[in-house]
Amino acid sequence: CFNKADLAERAERERLAGIYAGCGCPVLFTSASRRQGLDELMGLLMNKTTVVAGPSGVGKSSLINCLQQERQMQTGEISEKIGRGRHTTRHSEIIPVCGSTYIMDTPGFSTLQSDMEKEALKDYYPEFAVYEPGCRFAGCSHIGERDCGVKEALAAGKINGQRYQNYCQIYEELKHIKRY
């Protein structure tokens, strides 16, 4: 879900949708300020408990405020000095939306902090699964190995290059997180 769609030109929205087209996830563009895309978002959230996560300043709390009236979350402005969101939400909270639909607001983040092992990251890229049988080595990370089905699919344009670059970046971050 990309909020603040009113700030992006059609070509940019199409580019973003293309990045995620092959991963099997629906892509939504919403605007909390213009109350656009909320019905479609609500349709996906119905009868589920959903965690809203993302960088500071993308409008997570604003979207939650649009989806329910009971608990209005504090929102803030984008910092002009640093050009990004401020950490307005300071704790996680489950908020009833309607019936058996709940949404959890979470603090924004600017860096990755996770207990996830780097080897598990590929499981969050469902478009890789169909090409993994073409990997020569079991447990292929799809980064530096030879005869990698995922990298072959990438070269053939079957996997989005931006998604793959994001995977590589997150993999490197996970590799360097110190475990205490």
C-alpha atoms as a PDB file:
ATOM      1  CA  CYS A   1       0.000   0.000   0.000  1.00  0.00           C
ATOM      2  CA  PHE A   2       1.486   3.276  -1.124  1.00  0.00           C
ATOM      3  CA  ASN A   3      -0.061   6.198   0.716  1.00  0.00           C
ATOM      4  CA  LYS A   4       0.208   9.805  -0.460  1.00  0.00           C
ATOM      5  CA  ALA A   5      -0.562   8.706  -4.027  1.00  0.00           C
ATOM      6  CA  ASP A   6      -1.682  12.260  -4.717  1.00  0.00           C
ATOM      7  CA  LEU A   7       1.992  13.268  -4.577  1.00  0.00           C
ATOM      8  CA  ALA A   8       3.048  10.866  -7.358  1.00  0.00           C
ATOM      9  CA  GLU A   9       2.490  11.222 -11.082  1.00  0.00           C
ATOM     10  CA  ARG A  10       0.743   8.409 -12.935  1.00  0.00           C
ATOM     11  CA  ALA A  11       4.027   7.217 -14.478  1.00  0.00           C
ATOM     12  CA  GLU A  12       5.579   6.866 -11.007  1.00  0.00           C
ATOM     13  CA  ARG A  13       2.574   4.914  -9.713  1.00  0.00           C
ATOM     14  CA  GLU A  14       2.799   2.608 -12.739  1.00  0.00           C
ATOM     15  CA  ARG A  15       6.535   2.122 -12.149  1.00  0.00           C
ATOM     16  CA  LEU A  16       5.938   1.200  -8.514  1.00  0.00           C
ATOM     17  CA  ALA A  17       3.117  -1.191  -9.426  1.00  0.00           C
ATOM     18  CA  GLY A  18       5.439  -2.855 -11.956  1.00  0.00           C
ATOM     19  CA  ILE A  19       8.058  -3.527  -9.302  1.00  0.00           C
ATOM     20  CA  TYR A  20       5.585  -5.644  -7.337  1.00  0.00           C
ATOM     21  CA  ALA A  21       3.615  -7.150 -10.242  1.00  0.00           C
ATOM     22  CA  GLY A  22       5.465 -10.477 -10.152  1.00  0.00           C
ATOM     23  CA  CYS A  23       5.408 -11.077  -6.413  1.00  0.00           C
ATOM     24  CA  GLY A  24       1.725 -11.934  -6.112  1.00  0.00           C
ATOM     25  CA  CYS A  25       0.814  -9.039  -3.815  1.00  0.00           C
ATOM     26  CA  PRO A  26      -1.960  -6.619  -4.663  1.00  0.00           C
ATOM     27  CA  VAL A  27      -0.660  -3.072  -4.977  1.00  0.00           C
ATOM     28  CA  LEU A  28      -2.810  -0.243  -3.652  1.00  0.00           C
ATOM     29  CA  PHE A  29      -2.379   3.490  -3.967  1.00  0.00           C
ATOM     30  CA  THR A  30      -4.133   5.519  -1.301  1.00  0.00           C
ATOM     31  CA  SER A  31      -4.296   9.091  -0.131  1.00  0.00           C
ATOM     32  CA  ALA A  32      -5.381   9.656   3.438  1.00  0.00           C
ATOM     33  CA  SER A  33      -5.507  13.414   2.884  1.00  0.00           C
ATOM     34  CA  ARG A  34      -7.871  13.006  -0.094  1.00  0.00           C
ATOM     35  CA  ARG A  35      -9.584   9.885   1.279  1.00  0.00           C
ATOM     36  CA  GLN A  36      -8.795   7.946  -1.920  1.00  0.00           C
ATOM     37  CA  GLY A  37      -8.407   4.173  -2.172  1.00  0.00           C
ATOM     38  CA  LEU A  38      -9.809   3.596   1.305  1.00  0.00           C
ATOM     39  CA  ASP A  39     -12.656   1.291   0.225  1.00  0.00           C
ATOM     40  CA  GLU A  40     -10.243  -0.996  -1.622  1.00  0.00           C
ATOM     41  CA  LEU A  41      -7.862  -0.992   1.362  1.00  0.00           C
ATOM     42  CA  MET A  42     -10.701  -1.749   3.755  1.00  0.00           C
ATOM     43  CA  GLY A  43     -11.727  -4.668   1.539  1.00  0.00           C
ATOM     44  CA  LEU A  44      -8.294  -6.227   1.981  1.00  0.00           C
ATOM     45  CA  LEU A  45      -8.248  -5.643   5.731  1.00  0.00           C
ATOM     46  CA  MET A  46     -11.731  -6.989   6.528  1.00  0.00           C
ATOM     47  CA  ASN A  47     -11.885  -9.787   9.119  1.00  0.00           C
ATOM     48  CA  LYS A  48      -8.130  -9.751   9.657  1.00  0.00           C
ATOM     49  CA  THR A  49      -5.629  -8.338  12.094  1.00  0.00           C
ATOM     50  CA  THR A  50      -3.124  -6.306  10.097  1.00  0.00           C
ATOM     51  CA  VAL A  51       0.137  -4.659  11.137  1.00  0.00           C
ATOM     52  CA  VAL A  52       0.938  -1.380   9.436  1.00  0.00           C
ATOM     53  CA  ALA A  53       4.687  -0.871   9.139  1.00  0.00           C
ATOM     54  CA  GLY A  54       6.909   1.434   7.152  1.00  0.00           C
ATOM     55  CA  PRO A  55       9.233   4.403   7.323  1.00  0.00           C
ATOM     56  CA  SER A  56       8.363   7.459   9.385  1.00  0.00           C
ATOM     57  CA  GLY A  57       6.210   9.991   7.596  1.00  0.00           C
ATOM     58  CA  VAL A  58       4.447   7.780   5.054  1.00  0.00           C
ATOM     59  CA  GLY A  59       1.031   8.293   6.652  1.00  0.00           C
ATOM     60  CA  LYS A  60       0.422   5.041   8.521  1.00  0.00           C
ATOM     61  CA  SER A  61      -1.421   6.735  11.381  1.00  0.00           C
ATOM     62  CA  SER A  62      -3.309   9.014   8.979  1.00  0.00           C
ATOM     63  CA  LEU A  63      -4.609   5.960   7.100  1.00  0.00           C
ATOM     64  CA  ILE A  64      -5.666   4.306  10.348  1.00  0.00           C
ATOM     65  CA  ASN A  65      -7.489   7.489  11.359  1.00  0.00           C
ATOM     66  CA  CYS A  66      -9.415   7.370   8.058  1.00  0.00           C
ATOM     67  CA  LEU A  67     -10.405   3.725   8.526  1.00  0.00           C
ATOM     68  CA  GLN A  68     -11.981   4.109  11.968  1.00  0.00           C
ATOM     69  CA  GLN A  69     -13.307   6.837  14.217  1.00  0.00           C
ATOM     70  CA  GLU A  70     -12.853   5.425  17.734  1.00  0.00           C
ATOM     71  CA  ARG A  71      -9.147   6.000  18.310  1.00  0.00           C
ATOM     72  CA  GLN A  72      -7.516   8.877  16.461  1.00  0.00           C
ATOM     73  CA  MET A  73      -3.767   8.402  16.281  1.00  0.00           C
ATOM     74  CA  GLN A  74      -1.422  11.375  16.614  1.00  0.00           C
ATOM     75  CA  THR A  75       0.032  12.488  13.289  1.00  0.00           C
ATOM     76  CA  GLY A  76       2.843  14.863  12.463  1.00  0.00           C
ATOM     77  CA  GLU A  77       4.256  16.889   9.615  1.00  0.00           C
ATOM     78  CA  ILE A  78       7.242  16.031   7.473  1.00  0.00           C
ATOM     79  CA  SER A  79      10.339  17.727   8.838  1.00  0.00           C
ATOM     80  CA  GLU A  80      11.440  20.501   6.480  1.00  0.00           C
ATOM     81  CA  LYS A  81      14.968  20.317   7.905  1.00  0.00           C
ATOM     82  CA  ILE A  82      15.589  16.631   7.180  1.00  0.00           C
ATOM     83  CA  GLY A  83      12.926  16.107   4.501  1.00  0.00           C
ATOM     84  CA  ARG A  84      11.358  13.026   6.067  1.00  0.00           C
ATOM     85  CA  GLY A  85       8.886  11.977   8.707  1.00  0.00           C
ATOM     86  CA  ARG A  86       9.315  12.361  12.399  1.00  0.00           C
ATOM     87  CA  HIS A  87       8.652   9.524  14.831  1.00  0.00           C
ATOM     88  CA  THR A  88       5.156  10.547  15.954  1.00  0.00           C
ATOM     89  CA  THR A  89       3.945   7.033  16.879  1.00  0.00           C
ATOM     90  CA  ARG A  90       5.995   5.850  19.829  1.00  0.00           C
ATOM     91  CA  HIS A  91       4.333   2.541  20.654  1.00  0.00           C
ATOM     92  CA  SER A  92       2.424  -0.255  18.926  1.00  0.00           C
ATOM     93  CA  GLU A  93      -1.290  -0.442  19.511  1.00  0.00           C
ATOM     94  CA  ILE A  94      -4.052  -2.725  18.217  1.00  0.00           C
ATOM     95  CA  ILE A  95      -7.077  -0.699  17.163  1.00  0.00           C
ATOM     96  CA  PRO A  96     -10.523  -2.166  16.444  1.00  0.00           C
ATOM     97  CA  VAL A  97     -11.749  -1.040  13.046  1.00  0.00           C
ATOM     98  CA  CYS A  98     -15.071  -2.860  12.766  1.00  0.00           C
ATOM     99  CA  GLY A  99     -16.391  -6.293  13.662  1.00  0.00           C
ATOM    100  CA  SER A 100     -13.466  -8.694  13.603  1.00  0.00           C
ATOM    101  CA  THR A 101     -11.155  -6.271  11.788  1.00  0.00           C
ATOM    102  CA  TYR A 102      -8.200  -4.905  13.706  1.00  0.00           C
ATOM    103  CA  ILE A 103      -5.209  -2.851  12.682  1.00  0.00           C
ATOM    104  CA  MET A 104      -1.955  -2.287  14.543  1.00  0.00           C
ATOM    105  CA  ASP A 105      -0.159   1.015  14.234  1.00  0.00           C
ATOM    106  CA  THR A 106       3.592   0.791  14.742  1.00  0.00           C
ATOM    107  CA  PRO A 107       6.370   3.346  15.083  1.00  0.00           C
ATOM    108  CA  GLY A 108       8.067   4.264  11.830  1.00  0.00           C
ATOM    109  CA  PHE A 109      11.594   3.180  11.125  1.00  0.00           C
ATOM    110  CA  SER A 110      14.553   4.363   9.121  1.00  0.00           C
ATOM    111  CA  THR A 111      16.823   1.340   9.479  1.00  0.00           C
ATOM    112  CA  LEU A 112      16.300  -2.381   9.570  1.00  0.00           C
ATOM    113  CA  GLN A 113      16.437  -4.073  12.942  1.00  0.00           C
ATOM    114  CA  SER A 114      15.400  -7.675  12.864  1.00  0.00           C
ATOM    115  CA  ASP A 115      15.890 -11.051  14.439  1.00  0.00           C
ATOM    116  CA  MET A 116      15.430 -12.603  11.002  1.00  0.00           C
ATOM    117  CA  GLU A 117      18.275 -14.736   9.738  1.00  0.00           C
ATOM    118  CA  LYS A 118      19.558 -13.634   6.353  1.00  0.00           C
ATOM    119  CA  GLU A 119      18.868 -17.139   5.006  1.00  0.00           C
ATOM    120  CA  ALA A 120      15.126 -16.675   5.655  1.00  0.00           C
ATOM    121  CA  LEU A 121      14.872 -13.444   3.657  1.00  0.00           C
ATOM    122  CA  LYS A 122      14.309 -15.229   0.325  1.00  0.00           C
ATOM    123  CA  ASP A 123      11.049 -16.619   1.720  1.00  0.00           C
ATOM    124  CA  TYR A 124       9.675 -13.059   1.690  1.00  0.00           C
ATOM    125  CA  TYR A 125      10.239 -12.835  -2.059  1.00  0.00           C
ATOM    126  CA  PRO A 126       7.630 -15.290  -3.376  1.00  0.00           C
ATOM    127  CA  GLU A 127       8.603 -14.631  -6.984  1.00  0.00           C
ATOM    128  CA  PHE A 128      11.943 -16.374  -6.284  1.00  0.00           C
ATOM    129  CA  ALA A 129      10.354 -19.726  -5.357  1.00  0.00           C
ATOM    130  CA  VAL A 130       9.508 -20.837  -8.887  1.00  0.00           C
ATOM    131  CA  TYR A 131      13.148 -20.348  -9.990  1.00  0.00           C
ATOM    132  CA  GLU A 132      14.897 -21.842  -6.937  1.00  0.00           C
ATOM    133  CA  PRO A 133      14.785 -25.413  -8.336  1.00  0.00           C
ATOM    134  CA  GLY A 134      17.190 -24.089 -10.998  1.00  0.00           C
ATOM    135  CA  CYS A 135      19.796 -23.266  -8.346  1.00  0.00           C
ATOM    136  CA  ARG A 136      22.805 -25.585  -8.312  1.00  0.00           C
ATOM    137  CA  PHE A 137      23.294 -25.363  -4.554  1.00  0.00           C
ATOM    138  CA  ALA A 138      20.785 -26.089  -1.793  1.00  0.00           C
ATOM    139  CA  GLY A 139      20.431 -23.030   0.419  1.00  0.00           C
ATOM    140  CA  CYS A 140      21.416 -20.703  -2.423  1.00  0.00           C
ATOM    141  CA  SER A 141      21.350 -17.081  -1.241  1.00  0.00           C
ATOM    142  CA  HIS A 142      20.857 -15.862  -4.836  1.00  0.00           C
ATOM    143  CA  ILE A 143      23.689 -13.391  -4.365  1.00  0.00           C
ATOM    144  CA  GLY A 144      27.132 -14.756  -5.249  1.00  0.00           C
ATOM    145  CA  GLU A 145      26.569 -18.378  -6.211  1.00  0.00           C
ATOM    146  CA  ARG A 146      27.073 -19.744  -9.727  1.00  0.00           C
ATOM    147  CA  ASP A 147      24.265 -21.532 -11.545  1.00  0.00           C
ATOM    148  CA  CYS A 148      21.536 -19.669  -9.660  1.00  0.00           C
ATOM    149  CA  GLY A 149      18.030 -20.009 -11.088  1.00  0.00           C
ATOM    150  CA  VAL A 150      16.928 -16.734  -9.493  1.00  0.00           C
ATOM    151  CA  LYS A 151      19.800 -14.755 -11.032  1.00  0.00           C
ATOM    152  CA  GLU A 152      19.101 -16.414 -14.404  1.00  0.00           C
ATOM    153  CA  ALA A 153      15.439 -15.349 -14.132  1.00  0.00           C
ATOM    154  CA  LEU A 154      16.593 -11.835 -13.199  1.00  0.00           C
ATOM    155  CA  ALA A 155      18.839 -11.677 -16.273  1.00  0.00           C
ATOM    156  CA  ALA A 156      15.920 -12.849 -18.433  1.00  0.00           C
ATOM    157  CA  GLY A 157      13.684 -10.083 -17.049  1.00  0.00           C
ATOM    158  CA  LYS A 158      11.388 -12.514 -15.207  1.00  0.00           C
ATOM    159  CA  ILE A 159      12.185 -10.969 -11.815  1.00  0.00           C
ATOM    160  CA  ASN A 160      12.039  -7.220 -11.307  1.00  0.00           C
ATOM    161  CA  GLY A 161      15.530  -5.731 -10.959  1.00  0.00           C
ATOM    162  CA  GLN A 162      14.493  -3.214  -8.304  1.00  0.00           C
ATOM    163  CA  ARG A 163      12.960  -5.968  -6.154  1.00  0.00           C
ATOM    164  CA  TYR A 164      16.154  -8.010  -6.517  1.00  0.00           C
ATOM    165  CA  GLN A 165      18.322  -5.001  -5.584  1.00  0.00           C
ATOM    166  CA  ASN A 166      16.152  -4.434  -2.499  1.00  0.00           C
ATOM    167  CA  TYR A 167      16.615  -8.108  -1.618  1.00  0.00           C
ATOM    168  CA  CYS A 168      20.408  -7.774  -1.932  1.00  0.00           C
ATOM    169  CA  GLN A 169      20.451  -4.616   0.181  1.00  0.00           C
ATOM    170  CA  ILE A 170      18.336  -6.133   2.966  1.00  0.00           C
ATOM    171  CA  TYR A 171      20.402  -9.344   2.830  1.00  0.00           C
ATOM    172  CA  GLU A 172      23.582  -7.313   3.378  1.00  0.00           C
ATOM    173  CA  GLU A 173      21.972  -5.411   6.260  1.00  0.00           C
ATOM    174  CA  LEU A 174      20.878  -8.671   7.901  1.00  0.00           C
ATOM    175  CA  LYS A 175      24.367 -10.066   7.411  1.00  0.00           C
ATOM    176  CA  HIS A 176      25.863  -7.205   9.397  1.00  0.00           C
ATOM    177  CA  ILE A 177      23.357  -6.928  12.239  1.00  0.00           C
ATOM    178  CA  LYS A 178      25.077  -7.903  15.460  1.00  0.00           C
ATOM    179  CA  ARG A 179      23.182 -10.429  17.506  1.00  0.00           C
ATOM    180  CA  TYR A 180      23.236  -9.806  21.244  1.00  0.00           C
END
